[in-house]
Amino acid sequence: MKNTWHIVLKIVGVSLALAGLICLVVGYWDKLAAGAAELKKAVAGKCQCRCSEFDDYDDDLLYE
């Protein structure tokens, strides 16, 4: 019986921890979304040339 209570309390504890984590994510969703948008802009800004990755190949050699 003692082991059963330990297992039940562990399950309840994990469930409460997960619920707390979900509440934190929901509470800070606007800040997380803004941070993700800034990160996306920073990553997209690294390639300013907007060129294809295949522009550096000599296509004439492929069609000979």
N, C-alpha and C. Protein backbone atom coordinates (compact mmCIF):
# COMPACT_ATOMS: atom_id res chain seq x y z
N MET A 1 0.83 -1.20 0.00
CA MET A 1 0.00 0.00 0.00
C MET A 1 0.87 1.26 0.00
N LYS A 2 2.01 1.15 0.68
CA LYS A 2 2.89 2.30 0.77
C LYS A 2 3.47 2.66 -0.60
N ASN A 3 3.83 1.63 -1.39
CA ASN A 3 4.36 1.89 -2.73
C ASN A 3 3.32 2.52 -3.63
N THR A 4 2.07 2.13 -3.45
CA THR A 4 0.99 2.69 -4.26
C THR A 4 0.87 4.19 -4.02
N TRP A 5 0.95 4.61 -2.76
CA TRP A 5 0.85 6.03 -2.45
C TRP A 5 2.04 6.80 -3.00
N HIS A 6 3.20 6.22 -2.98
CA HIS A 6 4.38 6.88 -3.54
C HIS A 6 4.23 7.08 -5.05
N ILE A 7 3.72 6.07 -5.71
CA ILE A 7 3.52 6.18 -7.16
C ILE A 7 2.45 7.23 -7.46
N VAL A 8 1.37 7.23 -6.71
CA VAL A 8 0.30 8.21 -6.92
C VAL A 8 0.82 9.62 -6.68
N LEU A 9 1.61 9.82 -5.62
CA LEU A 9 2.15 11.14 -5.33
C LEU A 9 3.16 11.59 -6.39
N LYS A 10 3.93 10.66 -6.93
CA LYS A 10 4.85 11.01 -8.01
C LYS A 10 4.09 11.44 -9.26
N ILE A 11 3.03 10.72 -9.58
CA ILE A 11 2.21 11.07 -10.75
C ILE A 11 1.57 12.44 -10.55
N VAL A 12 1.04 12.70 -9.37
CA VAL A 12 0.43 14.00 -9.08
C VAL A 12 1.48 15.10 -9.15
N GLY A 13 2.67 14.85 -8.61
CA GLY A 13 3.74 15.85 -8.64
C GLY A 13 4.18 16.17 -10.06
N VAL A 14 4.34 15.15 -10.89
CA VAL A 14 4.72 15.37 -12.28
C VAL A 14 3.61 16.12 -13.02
N SER A 15 2.37 15.78 -12.74
CA SER A 15 1.25 16.46 -13.38
C SER A 15 1.21 17.94 -13.00
N LEU A 16 1.43 18.25 -11.72
CA LEU A 16 1.44 19.65 -11.28
C LEU A 16 2.62 20.41 -11.88
N ALA A 17 3.76 19.77 -11.98
CA ALA A 17 4.92 20.43 -12.58
C ALA A 17 4.66 20.72 -14.06
N LEU A 18 4.06 19.78 -14.76
CA LEU A 18 3.73 19.98 -16.17
C LEU A 18 2.69 21.09 -16.33
N ALA A 19 1.71 21.12 -15.45
CA ALA A 19 0.69 22.18 -15.51
C ALA A 19 1.33 23.54 -15.25
N GLY A 20 2.28 23.62 -14.33
CA GLY A 20 2.98 24.87 -14.08
C GLY A 20 3.80 25.32 -15.27
N LEU A 21 4.45 24.39 -15.94
CA LEU A 21 5.22 24.71 -17.13
C LEU A 21 4.31 25.22 -18.25
N ILE A 22 3.17 24.59 -18.42
CA ILE A 22 2.21 25.03 -19.43
C ILE A 22 1.70 26.43 -19.10
N CYS A 23 1.44 26.70 -17.83
CA CYS A 23 0.98 28.03 -17.44
C CYS A 23 2.05 29.09 -17.71
N LEU A 24 3.32 28.76 -17.49
CA LEU A 24 4.39 29.70 -17.79
C LEU A 24 4.47 29.99 -19.28
N VAL A 25 4.36 28.96 -20.09
CA VAL A 25 4.42 29.16 -21.55
C VAL A 25 3.25 30.02 -22.01
N VAL A 26 2.06 29.76 -21.51
CA VAL A 26 0.89 30.53 -21.90
C VAL A 26 1.02 31.98 -21.41
N GLY A 27 1.55 32.16 -20.21
CA GLY A 27 1.68 33.49 -19.64
C GLY A 27 2.69 34.36 -20.38
N TYR A 28 3.74 33.77 -20.88
CA TYR A 28 4.79 34.52 -21.55
C TYR A 28 4.77 34.32 -23.06
N TRP A 29 3.64 33.90 -23.61
CA TRP A 29 3.57 33.58 -25.03
C TRP A 29 3.89 34.79 -25.90
N ASP A 30 3.42 35.98 -25.52
CA ASP A 30 3.68 37.16 -26.33
C ASP A 30 5.17 37.49 -26.38
N LYS A 31 5.86 37.34 -25.26
CA LYS A 31 7.30 37.58 -25.24
C LYS A 31 8.06 36.50 -26.00
N LEU A 32 7.61 35.26 -25.91
CA LEU A 32 8.25 34.18 -26.65
C LEU A 32 8.06 34.37 -28.16
N ALA A 33 6.87 34.79 -28.56
CA ALA A 33 6.60 34.99 -29.98
C ALA A 33 7.42 36.17 -30.51
N ALA A 34 7.55 37.23 -29.73
CA ALA A 34 8.35 38.37 -30.16
C ALA A 34 9.83 37.98 -30.29
N GLY A 35 10.31 37.19 -29.35
CA GLY A 35 11.70 36.72 -29.42
C GLY A 35 11.93 35.82 -30.61
N ALA A 36 10.97 34.98 -30.92
CA ALA A 36 11.11 34.09 -32.08
C ALA A 36 11.09 34.90 -33.38
N ALA A 37 10.29 35.96 -33.44
CA ALA A 37 10.25 36.80 -34.63
C ALA A 37 11.58 37.53 -34.82
N GLU A 38 12.16 38.02 -33.73
CA GLU A 38 13.46 38.69 -33.81
C GLU A 38 14.55 37.71 -34.25
N LEU A 39 14.49 36.50 -33.73
CA LEU A 39 15.46 35.49 -34.12
C LEU A 39 15.34 35.14 -35.60
N LYS A 40 14.11 35.06 -36.08
CA LYS A 40 13.88 34.77 -37.50
C LYS A 40 14.44 35.89 -38.37
N LYS A 41 14.24 37.15 -37.95
CA LYS A 41 14.78 38.28 -38.69
C LYS A 41 16.31 38.26 -38.69
N ALA A 42 16.89 37.90 -37.55
CA ALA A 42 18.35 37.88 -37.46
C ALA A 42 18.94 36.79 -38.34
N VAL A 43 18.30 35.64 -38.38
CA VAL A 43 18.81 34.55 -39.20
C VAL A 43 18.61 34.87 -40.68
N ALA A 44 17.47 35.46 -41.03
CA ALA A 44 17.21 35.80 -42.42
C ALA A 44 18.11 36.94 -42.88
N GLY A 45 18.53 37.81 -41.97
CA GLY A 45 19.37 38.94 -42.33
C GLY A 45 20.80 38.57 -42.64
N LYS A 46 21.22 37.37 -42.30
CA LYS A 46 22.60 36.96 -42.55
C LYS A 46 22.87 36.77 -44.04
N CYS A 47 21.89 36.37 -44.81
CA CYS A 47 22.06 36.20 -46.25
C CYS A 47 21.40 37.38 -46.94
N GLN A 48 22.12 38.45 -47.10
CA GLN A 48 21.58 39.66 -47.71
C GLN A 48 21.53 39.58 -49.23
N CYS A 49 22.34 38.70 -49.83
CA CYS A 49 22.43 38.67 -51.29
C CYS A 49 21.20 38.06 -51.93
N ARG A 50 20.46 37.23 -51.21
CA ARG A 50 19.29 36.54 -51.74
C ARG A 50 19.62 35.75 -53.00
N CYS A 51 20.82 35.21 -53.07
CA CYS A 51 21.24 34.47 -54.24
C CYS A 51 21.04 32.98 -54.00
N SER A 52 20.98 32.27 -55.07
CA SER A 52 20.81 30.83 -55.00
C SER A 52 22.13 30.18 -54.58
N GLU A 53 22.02 29.06 -53.93
CA GLU A 53 23.24 28.37 -53.52
C GLU A 53 23.95 27.72 -54.70
N PHE A 54 23.28 27.63 -55.85
CA PHE A 54 23.87 27.00 -57.01
C PHE A 54 24.46 28.00 -58.00
N ASP A 55 24.48 29.27 -57.65
CA ASP A 55 25.02 30.28 -58.56
C ASP A 55 26.52 30.16 -58.77
N ASP A 56 27.20 29.50 -57.86
CA ASP A 56 28.65 29.43 -57.98
C ASP A 56 29.11 28.25 -58.86
N TYR A 57 28.19 27.46 -59.38
CA TYR A 57 28.56 26.35 -60.25
C TYR A 57 28.58 26.80 -61.71
N ASP A 58 29.46 26.21 -62.47
CA ASP A 58 29.56 26.50 -63.90
C ASP A 58 28.65 25.52 -64.64
N ASP A 59 27.47 26.01 -65.03
CA ASP A 59 26.49 25.16 -65.68
C ASP A 59 26.92 24.70 -67.07
N ASP A 60 27.80 25.43 -67.72
CA ASP A 60 28.22 25.04 -69.06
C ASP A 60 28.94 23.69 -69.03
N LEU A 61 29.63 23.39 -67.96
CA LEU A 61 30.31 22.11 -67.86
C LEU A 61 29.34 20.95 -67.71
N LEU A 62 28.18 21.23 -67.20
CA LEU A 62 27.18 20.17 -66.99
C LEU A 62 26.52 19.73 -68.29
N TYR A 63 26.43 20.66 -69.25
CA TYR A 63 25.69 20.37 -70.47
C TYR A 63 26.58 20.05 -71.67
N GLU A 64 27.85 19.76 -71.45
CA GLU A 64 28.75 19.42 -72.57
C GLU A 64 28.65 17.96 -72.93
